[in-house]
């Protein structure tokens, strides 16, 4: 299972996405007290593509997590494994410093939009 979370539920909203090894995907978007939920089967290749991008992003050096610029969100991407979790946490603007990380976030954003039928966009 790969999960992706970005945003702030009390500001412009928080988007959570998860995709299983079989490609079953769920998006939850929370803004204040309201939560919208979408589910769709994207196919195992979606998980495999995200897993490959996550592996490459972890291998690339990234800038240390510092103080975000105003308006930046914290991003968390996690892959659950039998031995534990592989976790990346960074400020949204740090994706631009790592081409693999940027490709991973872009792919996840596309999967979120596809799963939500175009309702959730970045």
PDB file of N, CA and C in Angstrom:
ATOM      1  N   UNK A   1       0.854  -1.176   0.000  1.00  0.00           N
ATOM      2  CA  UNK A   1       0.000   0.000   0.000  1.00  0.00           C
ATOM      3  C   UNK A   1       0.898   1.237   0.000  1.00  0.00           C
ATOM      4  N   UNK A   2       0.608   2.151  -0.893  1.00  0.00           N
ATOM      5  CA  UNK A   2       1.297   3.439  -0.920  1.00  0.00           C
ATOM      6  C   UNK A   2       0.270   4.499  -0.556  1.00  0.00           C
ATOM      7  N   UNK A   3       0.651   5.393   0.343  1.00  0.00           N
ATOM      8  CA  UNK A   3      -0.232   6.489   0.726  1.00  0.00           C
ATOM      9  C   UNK A   3       0.461   7.822   0.445  1.00  0.00           C
ATOM     10  N   UNK A   4      -0.364   8.829   0.158  1.00  0.00           N
ATOM     11  CA  UNK A   4       0.113  10.177  -0.156  1.00  0.00           C
ATOM     12  C   UNK A   4      -0.821  11.139   0.560  1.00  0.00           C
ATOM     13  N   UNK A   5      -0.244  12.089   1.281  1.00  0.00           N
ATOM     14  CA  UNK A   5      -1.074  13.055   2.002  1.00  0.00           C
ATOM     15  C   UNK A   5      -0.448  14.433   1.854  1.00  0.00           C
ATOM     16  N   UNK A   6      -1.270  15.413   1.521  1.00  0.00           N
ATOM     17  CA  UNK A   6      -0.792  16.783   1.383  1.00  0.00           C
ATOM     18  C   UNK A   6      -1.911  17.753   1.732  1.00  0.00           C
ATOM     19  N   UNK A   7      -1.539  18.928   2.164  1.00  0.00           N
ATOM     20  CA  UNK A   7      -2.520  19.980   2.447  1.00  0.00           C
ATOM     21  C   UNK A   7      -2.833  20.118   3.915  1.00  0.00           C
ATOM     22  N   UNK A   8      -3.753  21.006   4.183  1.00  0.00           N
ATOM     23  CA  UNK A   8      -4.166  21.330   5.542  1.00  0.00           C
ATOM     24  C   UNK A   8      -5.691  21.328   5.590  1.00  0.00           C
ATOM     25  N   UNK A   9      -6.298  20.450   6.390  1.00  0.00           N
ATOM     26  CA  UNK A   9      -7.765  20.365   6.401  1.00  0.00           C
ATOM     27  C   UNK A   9      -8.447  21.647   6.866  1.00  0.00           C
ATOM     28  N   UNK A  10      -7.712  22.532   7.529  1.00  0.00           N
ATOM     29  CA  UNK A  10      -8.314  23.754   8.054  1.00  0.00           C
ATOM     30  C   UNK A  10      -8.009  24.976   7.195  1.00  0.00           C
ATOM     31  N   UNK A  11      -7.306  24.764   6.089  1.00  0.00           N
ATOM     32  CA  UNK A  11      -6.996  25.891   5.212  1.00  0.00           C
ATOM     33  C   UNK A  11      -7.658  25.647   3.857  1.00  0.00           C
ATOM     34  N   UNK A  12      -6.953  25.140   2.879  1.00  0.00           N
ATOM     35  CA  UNK A  12      -7.546  24.865   1.571  1.00  0.00           C
ATOM     36  C   UNK A  12      -7.945  23.407   1.417  1.00  0.00           C
ATOM     37  N   UNK A  13      -7.755  22.611   2.450  1.00  0.00           N
ATOM     38  CA  UNK A  13      -8.138  21.212   2.414  1.00  0.00           C
ATOM     39  C   UNK A  13      -6.946  20.281   2.411  1.00  0.00           C
ATOM     40  N   UNK A  14      -7.173  19.079   2.890  1.00  0.00           N
ATOM     41  CA  UNK A  14      -6.146  18.043   2.909  1.00  0.00           C
ATOM     42  C   UNK A  14      -6.601  16.899   2.015  1.00  0.00           C
ATOM     43  N   UNK A  15      -5.697  16.453   1.158  1.00  0.00           N
ATOM     44  CA  UNK A  15      -5.992  15.352   0.258  1.00  0.00           C
ATOM     45  C   UNK A  15      -5.177  14.145   0.681  1.00  0.00           C
ATOM     46  N   UNK A  16      -5.850  13.011   0.831  1.00  0.00           N
ATOM     47  CA  UNK A  16      -5.197  11.739   1.151  1.00  0.00           C
ATOM     48  C   UNK A  16      -5.521  10.761   0.029  1.00  0.00           C
ATOM     49  N   UNK A  17      -4.519   9.999  -0.371  1.00  0.00           N
ATOM     50  CA  UNK A  17      -4.670   9.027  -1.443  1.00  0.00           C
ATOM     51  C   UNK A  17      -3.966   7.751  -1.024  1.00  0.00           C
ATOM     52  N   UNK A  18      -4.574   6.625  -1.332  1.00  0.00           N
ATOM     53  CA  UNK A  18      -3.885   5.353  -1.106  1.00  0.00           C
ATOM     54  C   UNK A  18      -4.203   4.424  -2.262  1.00  0.00           C
ATOM     55  N   UNK A  19      -3.180   3.633  -2.614  1.00  0.00           N
ATOM     56  CA  UNK A  19      -3.340   2.668  -3.687  1.00  0.00           C
ATOM     57  C   UNK A  19      -2.712   1.359  -3.235  1.00  0.00           C
ATOM     58  N   UNK A  20      -3.444   0.269  -3.438  1.00  0.00           N
ATOM     59  CA  UNK A  20      -2.970  -1.056  -3.036  1.00  0.00           C
ATOM     60  C   UNK A  20      -2.180  -1.690  -4.180  1.00  0.00           C
ATOM     61  N   UNK A  21      -1.542  -2.819  -3.882  1.00  0.00           N
ATOM     62  CA  UNK A  21      -0.780  -3.546  -4.898  1.00  0.00           C
ATOM     63  C   UNK A  21      -1.657  -3.984  -6.068  1.00  0.00           C
ATOM     64  N   UNK A  22      -2.945  -4.160  -5.824  1.00  0.00           N
ATOM     65  CA  UNK A  22      -3.866  -4.572  -6.893  1.00  0.00           C
ATOM     66  C   UNK A  22      -4.427  -3.370  -7.670  1.00  0.00           C
ATOM     67  N   UNK A  23      -4.076  -2.152  -7.237  1.00  0.00           N
ATOM     68  CA  UNK A  23      -4.528  -0.956  -7.938  1.00  0.00           C
ATOM     69  C   UNK A  23      -5.816  -0.359  -7.434  1.00  0.00           C
ATOM     70  N   UNK A  24      -6.325  -0.874  -6.310  1.00  0.00           N
ATOM     71  CA  UNK A  24      -7.523  -0.272  -5.723  1.00  0.00           C
ATOM     72  C   UNK A  24      -7.116   1.051  -5.080  1.00  0.00           C
ATOM     73  N   UNK A  25      -7.767   2.132  -5.492  1.00  0.00           N
ATOM     74  CA  UNK A  25      -7.378   3.468  -5.054  1.00  0.00           C
ATOM     75  C   UNK A  25      -8.524   4.168  -4.340  1.00  0.00           C
ATOM     76  N   UNK A  26      -8.168   4.960  -3.324  1.00  0.00           N
ATOM     77  CA  UNK A  26      -9.139   5.741  -2.566  1.00  0.00           C
ATOM     78  C   UNK A  26      -8.567   7.142  -2.372  1.00  0.00           C
ATOM     79  N   UNK A  27      -9.408   8.142  -2.603  1.00  0.00           N
ATOM     80  CA  UNK A  27      -9.062   9.537  -2.345  1.00  0.00           C
ATOM     81  C   UNK A  27     -10.031  10.063  -1.303  1.00  0.00           C
ATOM     82  N   UNK A  28      -9.493  10.754  -0.310  1.00  0.00           N
ATOM     83  CA  UNK A  28     -10.326  11.479   0.654  1.00  0.00           C
ATOM     84  C   UNK A  28      -9.833  12.913   0.695  1.00  0.00           C
ATOM     85  N   UNK A  29     -10.748  13.839   0.512  1.00  0.00           N
ATOM     86  CA  UNK A  29     -10.404  15.251   0.588  1.00  0.00           C
ATOM     87  C   UNK A  29     -11.221  15.869   1.710  1.00  0.00           C
ATOM     88  N   UNK A  30     -10.513  16.415   2.697  1.00  0.00           N
ATOM     89  CA  UNK A  30     -11.154  17.003   3.866  1.00  0.00           C
ATOM     90  C   UNK A  30     -10.902  18.508   3.876  1.00  0.00           C
ATOM     91  N   UNK A  31     -11.987  19.255   4.020  1.00  0.00           N
ATOM     92  CA  UNK A  31     -11.904  20.703   4.143  1.00  0.00           C
ATOM     93  C   UNK A  31     -12.856  21.089   5.264  1.00  0.00           C
ATOM     94  N   UNK A  32     -12.264  21.499   6.398  1.00  0.00           N
ATOM     95  CA  UNK A  32     -13.077  21.779   7.571  1.00  0.00           C
ATOM     96  C   UNK A  32     -13.734  20.502   8.059  1.00  0.00           C
ATOM     97  N   UNK A  33     -15.041  20.526   8.240  1.00  0.00           N
ATOM     98  CA  UNK A  33     -15.765  19.353   8.739  1.00  0.00           C
ATOM     99  C   UNK A  33     -16.282  18.460   7.607  1.00  0.00           C
ATOM    100  N   UNK A  34     -16.052  18.860   6.360  1.00  0.00           N
ATOM    101  CA  UNK A  34     -16.579  18.110   5.218  1.00  0.00           C
ATOM    102  C   UNK A  34     -15.498  17.218   4.608  1.00  0.00           C
ATOM    103  N   UNK A  35     -15.848  15.958   4.351  1.00  0.00           N
ATOM    104  CA  UNK A  35     -14.930  15.022   3.699  1.00  0.00           C
ATOM    105  C   UNK A  35     -15.622  14.412   2.488  1.00  0.00           C
ATOM    106  N   UNK A  36     -14.932  14.471   1.367  1.00  0.00           N
ATOM    107  CA  UNK A  36     -15.411  13.811   0.149  1.00  0.00           C
ATOM    108  C   UNK A  36     -14.541  12.576  -0.068  1.00  0.00           C
ATOM    109  N   UNK A  37     -15.167  11.489  -0.529  1.00  0.00           N
ATOM    110  CA  UNK A  37     -14.442  10.226  -0.722  1.00  0.00           C
ATOM    111  C   UNK A  37     -14.733   9.685  -2.113  1.00  0.00           C
ATOM    112  N   UNK A  38     -13.667   9.217  -2.760  1.00  0.00           N
ATOM    113  CA  UNK A  38     -13.783   8.641  -4.097  1.00  0.00           C
ATOM    114  C   UNK A  38     -13.007   7.327  -4.106  1.00  0.00           C
ATOM    115  N   UNK A  39     -13.481   6.351  -4.845  1.00  0.00           N
ATOM    116  CA  UNK A  39     -12.781   5.072  -4.962  1.00  0.00           C
ATOM    117  C   UNK A  39     -12.871   4.582  -6.398  1.00  0.00           C
ATOM    118  N   UNK A  40     -11.800   3.924  -6.835  1.00  0.00           N
ATOM    119  CA  UNK A  40     -11.755   3.409  -8.188  1.00  0.00           C
ATOM    120  C   UNK A  40     -10.628   2.380  -8.280  1.00  0.00           C
ATOM    121  N   UNK A  41     -10.743   1.439  -9.159  1.00  0.00           N
ATOM    122  CA  UNK A  41      -9.654   0.502  -9.416  1.00  0.00           C
ATOM    123  C   UNK A  41      -8.855   1.041 -10.602  1.00  0.00           C
ATOM    124  N   UNK A  42      -7.593   1.396 -10.344  1.00  0.00           N
ATOM    125  CA  UNK A  42      -6.733   1.952 -11.385  1.00  0.00           C
ATOM    126  C   UNK A  42      -5.880   0.887 -12.059  1.00  0.00           C
ATOM    127  N   UNK A  43      -5.725  -0.263 -11.414  1.00  0.00           N
ATOM    128  CA  UNK A  43      -4.909  -1.344 -11.968  1.00  0.00           C
ATOM    129  C   UNK A  43      -3.567  -1.452 -11.257  1.00  0.00           C
ATOM    130  N   UNK A  44      -3.044  -2.668 -11.242  1.00  0.00           N
ATOM    131  CA  UNK A  44      -1.788  -2.949 -10.544  1.00  0.00           C
ATOM    132  C   UNK A  44      -0.625  -2.146 -11.103  1.00  0.00           C
ATOM    133  N   UNK A  45      -0.686  -1.802 -12.396  1.00  0.00           N
ATOM    134  CA  UNK A  45       0.420  -1.032 -12.991  1.00  0.00           C
ATOM    135  C   UNK A  45       0.565   0.346 -12.351  1.00  0.00           C
ATOM    136  N   UNK A  46      -0.514   0.916 -11.835  1.00  0.00           N
ATOM    137  CA  UNK A  46      -0.422   2.205 -11.142  1.00  0.00           C
ATOM    138  C   UNK A  46       0.428   2.057  -9.890  1.00  0.00           C
ATOM    139  N   UNK A  47       0.149   1.019  -9.094  1.00  0.00           N
ATOM    140  CA  UNK A  47       0.964   0.776  -7.899  1.00  0.00           C
ATOM    141  C   UNK A  47       2.415   0.522  -8.296  1.00  0.00           C
ATOM    142  N   UNK A  48       2.633  -0.293  -9.294  1.00  0.00           N
ATOM    143  CA  UNK A  48       3.997  -0.633  -9.702  1.00  0.00           C
ATOM    144  C   UNK A  48       4.767   0.606 -10.160  1.00  0.00           C
ATOM    145  N   UNK A  49       4.105   1.481 -10.919  1.00  0.00           N
ATOM    146  CA  UNK A  49       4.748   2.717 -11.378  1.00  0.00           C
ATOM    147  C   UNK A  49       5.103   3.612 -10.188  1.00  0.00           C
ATOM    148  N   UNK A  50       4.157   3.791  -9.252  1.00  0.00           N
ATOM    149  CA  UNK A  50       4.414   4.635  -8.076  1.00  0.00           C
ATOM    150  C   UNK A  50       5.508   4.022  -7.192  1.00  0.00           C
ATOM    151  N   UNK A  51       5.494   2.713  -7.067  1.00  0.00           N
ATOM    152  CA  UNK A  51       6.500   2.026  -6.261  1.00  0.00           C
ATOM    153  C   UNK A  51       7.901   2.236  -6.847  1.00  0.00           C
ATOM    154  N   UNK A  52       8.023   2.126  -8.168  1.00  0.00           N
ATOM    155  CA  UNK A  52       9.313   2.363  -8.820  1.00  0.00           C
ATOM    156  C   UNK A  52       9.783   3.793  -8.645  1.00  0.00           C
ATOM    157  N   UNK A  53       8.873   4.754  -8.788  1.00  0.00           N
ATOM    158  CA  UNK A  53       9.232   6.162  -8.597  1.00  0.00           C
ATOM    159  C   UNK A  53       9.627   6.435  -7.148  1.00  0.00           C
ATOM    160  N   UNK A  54       8.910   5.829  -6.201  1.00  0.00           N
ATOM    161  CA  UNK A  54       9.239   6.002  -4.782  1.00  0.00           C
ATOM    162  C   UNK A  54      10.624   5.449  -4.480  1.00  0.00           C
ATOM    163  N   UNK A  55      10.940   4.295  -5.022  1.00  0.00           N
ATOM    164  CA  UNK A  55      12.260   3.697  -4.807  1.00  0.00           C
ATOM    165  C   UNK A  55      13.351   4.612  -5.351  1.00  0.00           C
ATOM    166  N   UNK A  56      13.155   5.151  -6.565  1.00  0.00           N
ATOM    167  CA  UNK A  56      14.159   6.051  -7.141  1.00  0.00           C
ATOM    168  C   UNK A  56      14.253   7.362  -6.364  1.00  0.00           C
ATOM    169  N   UNK A  57      13.129   7.888  -5.914  1.00  0.00           N
ATOM    170  CA  UNK A  57      13.152   9.146  -5.157  1.00  0.00           C
ATOM    171  C   UNK A  57      13.917   8.990  -3.843  1.00  0.00           C
ATOM    172  N   UNK A  58      13.788   7.833  -3.214  1.00  0.00           N
ATOM    173  CA  UNK A  58      14.504   7.586  -1.949  1.00  0.00           C
ATOM    174  C   UNK A  58      16.003   7.519  -2.158  1.00  0.00           C
ATOM    175  N   UNK A  59      16.431   7.095  -3.345  1.00  0.00           N
ATOM    176  CA  UNK A  59      17.858   6.944  -3.624  1.00  0.00           C
ATOM    177  C   UNK A  59      18.536   8.273  -3.927  1.00  0.00           C
ATOM    178  N   UNK A  60      17.757   9.297  -4.242  1.00  0.00           N
ATOM    179  CA  UNK A  60      18.318  10.598  -4.597  1.00  0.00           C
ATOM    180  C   UNK A  60      18.530  11.439  -3.345  1.00  0.00           C
ATOM    181  N   UNK A  61      19.659  12.145  -3.278  1.00  0.00           N
ATOM    182  CA  UNK A  61      19.839  13.052  -2.139  1.00  0.00           C
ATOM    183  C   UNK A  61      18.827  14.189  -2.242  1.00  0.00           C
ATOM    184  N   UNK A  62      18.336  14.624  -1.118  1.00  0.00           N
ATOM    185  CA  UNK A  62      17.397  15.741  -1.117  1.00  0.00           C
ATOM    186  C   UNK A  62      17.850  16.761  -0.094  1.00  0.00           C
ATOM    187  N   UNK A  63      17.351  17.952  -0.259  1.00  0.00           N
ATOM    188  CA  UNK A  63      17.707  19.036   0.657  1.00  0.00           C
ATOM    189  C   UNK A  63      17.141  18.741   2.039  1.00  0.00           C
ATOM    190  N   UNK A  64      17.827  19.167   3.082  1.00  0.00           N
ATOM    191  CA  UNK A  64      17.281  18.957   4.424  1.00  0.00           C
ATOM    192  C   UNK A  64      15.963  19.710   4.588  1.00  0.00           C
ATOM    193  N   UNK A  65      15.089  19.142   5.400  1.00  0.00           N
ATOM    194  CA  UNK A  65      13.808  19.796   5.657  1.00  0.00           C
ATOM    195  C   UNK A  65      14.072  21.035   6.480  1.00  0.00           C
ATOM    196  N   UNK A  66      13.721  22.162   5.921  1.00  0.00           N
ATOM    197  CA  UNK A  66      13.940  23.427   6.605  1.00  0.00           C
ATOM    198  C   UNK A  66      12.628  24.128   6.864  1.00  0.00           C
ATOM    199  N   UNK A  67      12.711  25.412   6.989  1.00  0.00           N
ATOM    200  CA  UNK A  67      11.532  26.226   7.225  1.00  0.00           C
ATOM    201  C   UNK A  67      10.827  26.435   5.887  1.00  0.00           C
ATOM    202  N   UNK A  68       9.544  26.142   5.808  1.00  0.00           N
ATOM    203  CA  UNK A  68       8.843  26.298   4.529  1.00  0.00           C
ATOM    204  C   UNK A  68       8.613  27.761   4.196  1.00  0.00           C
ATOM    205  N   UNK A  69       8.418  28.022   2.923  1.00  0.00           N
ATOM    206  CA  UNK A  69       8.003  29.354   2.532  1.00  0.00           C
ATOM    207  C   UNK A  69       6.516  29.476   2.825  1.00  0.00           C
ATOM    208  N   UNK A  70       6.000  30.691   3.031  1.00  0.00           N
ATOM    209  CA  UNK A  70       4.576  30.833   3.340  1.00  0.00           C
ATOM    210  C   UNK A  70       3.702  30.152   2.290  1.00  0.00           C
ATOM    211  N   UNK A  71       2.704  29.430   2.762  1.00  0.00           N
ATOM    212  CA  UNK A  71       1.767  28.756   1.885  1.00  0.00           C
ATOM    213  C   UNK A  71       2.155  27.342   1.489  1.00  0.00           C
ATOM    214  N   UNK A  72       3.335  26.891   1.887  1.00  0.00           N
ATOM    215  CA  UNK A  72       3.764  25.537   1.542  1.00  0.00           C
ATOM    216  C   UNK A  72       3.122  24.512   2.464  1.00  0.00           C
ATOM    217  N   UNK A  73       2.843  23.354   1.920  1.00  0.00           N
ATOM    218  CA  UNK A  73       2.259  22.241   2.673  1.00  0.00           C
ATOM    219  C   UNK A  73       3.313  21.192   2.963  1.00  0.00           C
ATOM    220  N   UNK A  74       3.109  20.469   4.028  1.00  0.00           N
ATOM    221  CA  UNK A  74       3.927  19.289   4.289  1.00  0.00           C
ATOM    222  C   UNK A  74       3.331  18.146   3.472  1.00  0.00           C
ATOM    223  N   UNK A  75       4.212  17.340   2.881  1.00  0.00           N
ATOM    224  CA  UNK A  75       3.807  16.191   2.067  1.00  0.00           C
ATOM    225  C   UNK A  75       4.352  14.937   2.725  1.00  0.00           C
ATOM    226  N   UNK A  76       3.551  13.893   2.774  1.00  0.00           N
ATOM    227  CA  UNK A  76       3.991  12.607   3.313  1.00  0.00           C
ATOM    228  C   UNK A  76       3.619  11.515   2.310  1.00  0.00           C
ATOM    229  N   UNK A  77       4.626  10.736   1.922  1.00  0.00           N
ATOM    230  CA  UNK A  77       4.417   9.583   1.044  1.00  0.00           C
ATOM    231  C   UNK A  77       4.974   8.380   1.783  1.00  0.00           C
ATOM    232  N   UNK A  78       4.182   7.331   1.858  1.00  0.00           N
ATOM    233  CA  UNK A  78       4.585   6.176   2.662  1.00  0.00           C
ATOM    234  C   UNK A  78       4.227   4.880   1.934  1.00  0.00           C
ATOM    235  N   UNK A  79       5.128   3.928   2.011  1.00  0.00           N
ATOM    236  CA  UNK A  79       4.856   2.581   1.491  1.00  0.00           C
ATOM    237  C   UNK A  79       4.923   1.627   2.668  1.00  0.00           C
ATOM    238  N   UNK A  80       3.850   0.910   2.911  1.00  0.00           N
ATOM    239  CA  UNK A  80       3.805  -0.053   3.999  1.00  0.00           C
ATOM    240  C   UNK A  80       4.364  -1.380   3.521  1.00  0.00           C
ATOM    241  N   UNK A  81       5.260  -1.944   4.321  1.00  0.00           N
ATOM    242  CA  UNK A  81       5.895  -3.219   4.000  1.00  0.00           C
ATOM    243  C   UNK A  81       5.762  -4.137   5.209  1.00  0.00           C
ATOM    244  N   UNK A  82       5.939  -5.441   5.012  1.00  0.00           N
ATOM    245  CA  UNK A  82       5.857  -6.367   6.150  1.00  0.00           C
ATOM    246  C   UNK A  82       6.862  -6.046   7.258  1.00  0.00           C
ATOM    247  N   UNK A  83       7.989  -5.461   6.881  1.00  0.00           N
ATOM    248  CA  UNK A  83       9.027  -5.153   7.880  1.00  0.00           C
ATOM    249  C   UNK A  83       8.918  -3.744   8.434  1.00  0.00           C
ATOM    250  N   UNK A  84       7.945  -2.975   7.994  1.00  0.00           N
ATOM    251  CA  UNK A  84       7.805  -1.601   8.472  1.00  0.00           C
ATOM    252  C   UNK A  84       7.341  -0.697   7.350  1.00  0.00           C
ATOM    253  N   UNK A  85       7.670   0.570   7.466  1.00  0.00           N
ATOM    254  CA  UNK A  85       7.226   1.548   6.479  1.00  0.00           C
ATOM    255  C   UNK A  85       8.422   2.306   5.903  1.00  0.00           C
ATOM    256  N   UNK A  86       8.308   2.625   4.634  1.00  0.00           N
ATOM    257  CA  UNK A  86       9.238   3.521   3.962  1.00  0.00           C
ATOM    258  C   UNK A  86       8.507   4.845   3.871  1.00  0.00           C
ATOM    259  N   UNK A  87       9.102   5.911   4.404  1.00  0.00           N
ATOM    260  CA  UNK A  87       8.380   7.173   4.533  1.00  0.00           C
ATOM    261  C   UNK A  87       9.239   8.330   4.030  1.00  0.00           C
ATOM    262  N   UNK A  88       8.624   9.183   3.220  1.00  0.00           N
ATOM    263  CA  UNK A  88       9.237  10.432   2.786  1.00  0.00           C
ATOM    264  C   UNK A  88       8.371  11.570   3.297  1.00  0.00           C
ATOM    265  N   UNK A  89       8.979  12.522   3.979  1.00  0.00           N
ATOM    266  CA  UNK A  89       8.266  13.720   4.422  1.00  0.00           C
ATOM    267  C   UNK A  89       9.072  14.923   3.978  1.00  0.00           C
ATOM    268  N   UNK A  90       8.387  15.900   3.392  1.00  0.00           N
ATOM    269  CA  UNK A  90       9.083  17.071   2.871  1.00  0.00           C
ATOM    270  C   UNK A  90       8.069  18.198   2.663  1.00  0.00           C
ATOM    271  N   UNK A  91       8.587  19.408   2.468  1.00  0.00           N
ATOM    272  CA  UNK A  91       7.729  20.534   2.130  1.00  0.00           C
ATOM    273  C   UNK A  91       7.470  20.491   0.639  1.00  0.00           C
ATOM    274  N   UNK A  92       6.287  20.887   0.224  1.00  0.00           N
ATOM    275  CA  UNK A  92       5.869  20.754  -1.176  1.00  0.00           C
ATOM    276  C   UNK A  92       6.869  21.377  -2.152  1.00  0.00           C
ATOM    277  N   UNK A  93       7.482  22.495  -1.784  1.00  0.00           N
ATOM    278  CA  UNK A  93       8.406  23.147  -2.717  1.00  0.00           C
ATOM    279  C   UNK A  93       9.718  22.386  -2.876  1.00  0.00           C
ATOM    280  N   UNK A  94      10.008  21.417  -2.018  1.00  0.00           N
ATOM    281  CA  UNK A  94      11.246  20.648  -2.135  1.00  0.00           C
ATOM    282  C   UNK A  94      11.197  19.631  -3.266  1.00  0.00           C
ATOM    283  N   UNK A  95      10.028  19.354  -3.784  1.00  0.00           N
ATOM    284  CA  UNK A  95       9.927  18.404  -4.894  1.00  0.00           C
ATOM    285  C   UNK A  95      10.709  18.889  -6.101  1.00  0.00           C
ATOM    286  N   UNK A  96      10.831  20.200  -6.258  1.00  0.00           N
ATOM    287  CA  UNK A  96      11.499  20.765  -7.434  1.00  0.00           C
ATOM    288  C   UNK A  96      13.014  20.532  -7.392  1.00  0.00           C
ATOM    289  N   UNK A  97      13.551  20.174  -6.235  1.00  0.00           N
ATOM    290  CA  UNK A  97      14.990  19.932  -6.087  1.00  0.00           C
ATOM    291  C   UNK A  97      15.379  18.491  -6.391  1.00  0.00           C
ATOM    292  N   UNK A  98      14.427  17.623  -6.676  1.00  0.00           N
ATOM    293  CA  UNK A  98      14.688  16.209  -6.871  1.00  0.00           C
ATOM    294  C   UNK A  98      13.776  15.722  -8.003  1.00  0.00           C
ATOM    295  N   UNK A  99      14.362  15.474  -9.176  1.00  0.00           N
ATOM    296  CA  UNK A  99      13.560  15.113 -10.345  1.00  0.00           C
ATOM    297  C   UNK A  99      12.733  13.851 -10.112  1.00  0.00           C
ATOM    298  N   UNK A 100      13.284  12.881  -9.393  1.00  0.00           N
ATOM    299  CA  UNK A 100      12.534  11.643  -9.118  1.00  0.00           C
ATOM    300  C   UNK A 100      11.363  11.913  -8.183  1.00  0.00           C
ATOM    301  N   UNK A 101      11.589  12.742  -7.174  1.00  0.00           N
ATOM    302  CA  UNK A 101      10.526  13.103  -6.238  1.00  0.00           C
ATOM    303  C   UNK A 101       9.430  13.885  -6.964  1.00  0.00           C
ATOM    304  N   UNK A 102       9.826  14.798  -7.838  1.00  0.00           N
ATOM    305  CA  UNK A 102       8.853  15.557  -8.612  1.00  0.00           C
ATOM    306  C   UNK A 102       8.022  14.630  -9.495  1.00  0.00           C
ATOM    307  N   UNK A 103       8.670  13.660 -10.135  1.00  0.00           N
ATOM    308  CA  UNK A 103       7.940  12.701 -10.977  1.00  0.00           C
ATOM    309  C   UNK A 103       6.964  11.875 -10.142  1.00  0.00           C
ATOM    310  N   UNK A 104       7.384  11.478  -8.938  1.00  0.00           N
ATOM    311  CA  UNK A 104       6.516  10.714  -8.041  1.00  0.00           C
ATOM    312  C   UNK A 104       5.295  11.537  -7.644  1.00  0.00           C
ATOM    313  N   UNK A 105       5.508  12.781  -7.193  1.00  0.00           N
ATOM    314  CA  UNK A 105       4.388  13.631  -6.774  1.00  0.00           C
ATOM    315  C   UNK A 105       3.462  13.899  -7.958  1.00  0.00           C
ATOM    316  N   UNK A 106       4.044  14.171  -9.122  1.00  0.00           N
ATOM    317  CA  UNK A 106       3.217  14.414 -10.315  1.00  0.00           C
ATOM    318  C   UNK A 106       2.360  13.186 -10.634  1.00  0.00           C
ATOM    319  N   UNK A 107       2.961  12.002 -10.571  1.00  0.00           N
ATOM    320  CA  UNK A 107       2.214  10.770 -10.826  1.00  0.00           C
ATOM    321  C   UNK A 107       1.105  10.547  -9.813  1.00  0.00           C
ATOM    322  N   UNK A 108       1.392  10.839  -8.550  1.00  0.00           N
ATOM    323  CA  UNK A 108       0.369  10.692  -7.507  1.00  0.00           C
ATOM    324  C   UNK A 108      -0.762  11.694  -7.714  1.00  0.00           C
ATOM    325  N   UNK A 109      -0.418  12.923  -8.074  1.00  0.00           N
ATOM    326  CA  UNK A 109      -1.452  13.929  -8.336  1.00  0.00           C
ATOM    327  C   UNK A 109      -2.351  13.499  -9.498  1.00  0.00           C
ATOM    328  N   UNK A 110      -1.758  12.947 -10.546  1.00  0.00           N
ATOM    329  CA  UNK A 110      -2.562  12.460 -11.670  1.00  0.00           C
ATOM    330  C   UNK A 110      -3.478  11.322 -11.235  1.00  0.00           C
ATOM    331  N   UNK A 111      -2.969  10.414 -10.400  1.00  0.00           N
ATOM    332  CA  UNK A 111      -3.781   9.296  -9.914  1.00  0.00           C
ATOM    333  C   UNK A 111      -4.937   9.792  -9.046  1.00  0.00           C
ATOM    334  N   UNK A 112      -4.686  10.829  -8.245  1.00  0.00           N
ATOM    335  CA  UNK A 112      -5.745  11.419  -7.412  1.00  0.00           C
ATOM    336  C   UNK A 112      -6.843  11.989  -8.314  1.00  0.00           C
ATOM    337  N   UNK A 113      -6.444  12.735  -9.316  1.00  0.00           N
ATOM    338  CA  UNK A 113      -7.419  13.343 -10.224  1.00  0.00           C
ATOM    339  C   UNK A 113      -8.197  12.259 -10.963  1.00  0.00           C
ATOM    340  N   UNK A 114      -7.524  11.213 -11.411  1.00  0.00           N
ATOM    341  CA  UNK A 114      -8.200  10.118 -12.107  1.00  0.00           C
ATOM    342  C   UNK A 114      -9.172   9.393 -11.177  1.00  0.00           C
ATOM    343  N   UNK A 115      -8.731   9.092  -9.960  1.00  0.00           N
ATOM    344  CA  UNK A 115      -9.578   8.374  -9.000  1.00  0.00           C
ATOM    345  C   UNK A 115     -10.822   9.170  -8.652  1.00  0.00           C
ATOM    346  N   UNK A 116     -10.689  10.498  -8.574  1.00  0.00           N
ATOM    347  CA  UNK A 116     -11.819  11.345  -8.193  1.00  0.00           C
ATOM    348  C   UNK A 116     -12.683  11.731  -9.390  1.00  0.00           C
ATOM    349  N   UNK A 117     -12.382  11.201 -10.548  1.00  0.00           N
ATOM    350  CA  UNK A 117     -13.168  11.554 -11.727  1.00  0.00           C
ATOM    351  C   UNK A 117     -13.014  13.019 -12.106  1.00  0.00           C
ATOM    352  N   UNK A 118     -11.868  13.599 -11.797  1.00  0.00           N
ATOM    353  CA  UNK A 118     -11.610  14.999 -12.113  1.00  0.00           C
ATOM    354  C   UNK A 118     -12.077  15.982 -11.063  1.00  0.00           C
ATOM    355  N   UNK A 119     -12.652  15.494  -9.973  1.00  0.00           N
ATOM    356  CA  UNK A 119     -13.162  16.383  -8.915  1.00  0.00           C
ATOM    357  C   UNK A 119     -12.042  17.017  -8.092  1.00  0.00           C
ATOM    358  N   UNK A 120     -10.929  16.297  -7.893  1.00  0.00           N
ATOM    359  CA  UNK A 120      -9.804  16.814  -7.114  1.00  0.00           C
ATOM    360  C   UNK A 120      -8.676  17.089  -8.098  1.00  0.00           C
ATOM    361  N   UNK A 121      -8.244  18.344  -8.147  1.00  0.00           N
ATOM    362  CA  UNK A 121      -7.182  18.760  -9.059  1.00  0.00           C
ATOM    363  C   UNK A 121      -6.111  19.522  -8.291  1.00  0.00           C
ATOM    364  N   UNK A 122      -4.924  19.511  -8.854  1.00  0.00           N
ATOM    365  CA  UNK A 122      -3.793  20.216  -8.227  1.00  0.00           C
ATOM    366  C   UNK A 122      -3.335  21.338  -9.118  1.00  0.00           C
TER     367      UNK A 122
END
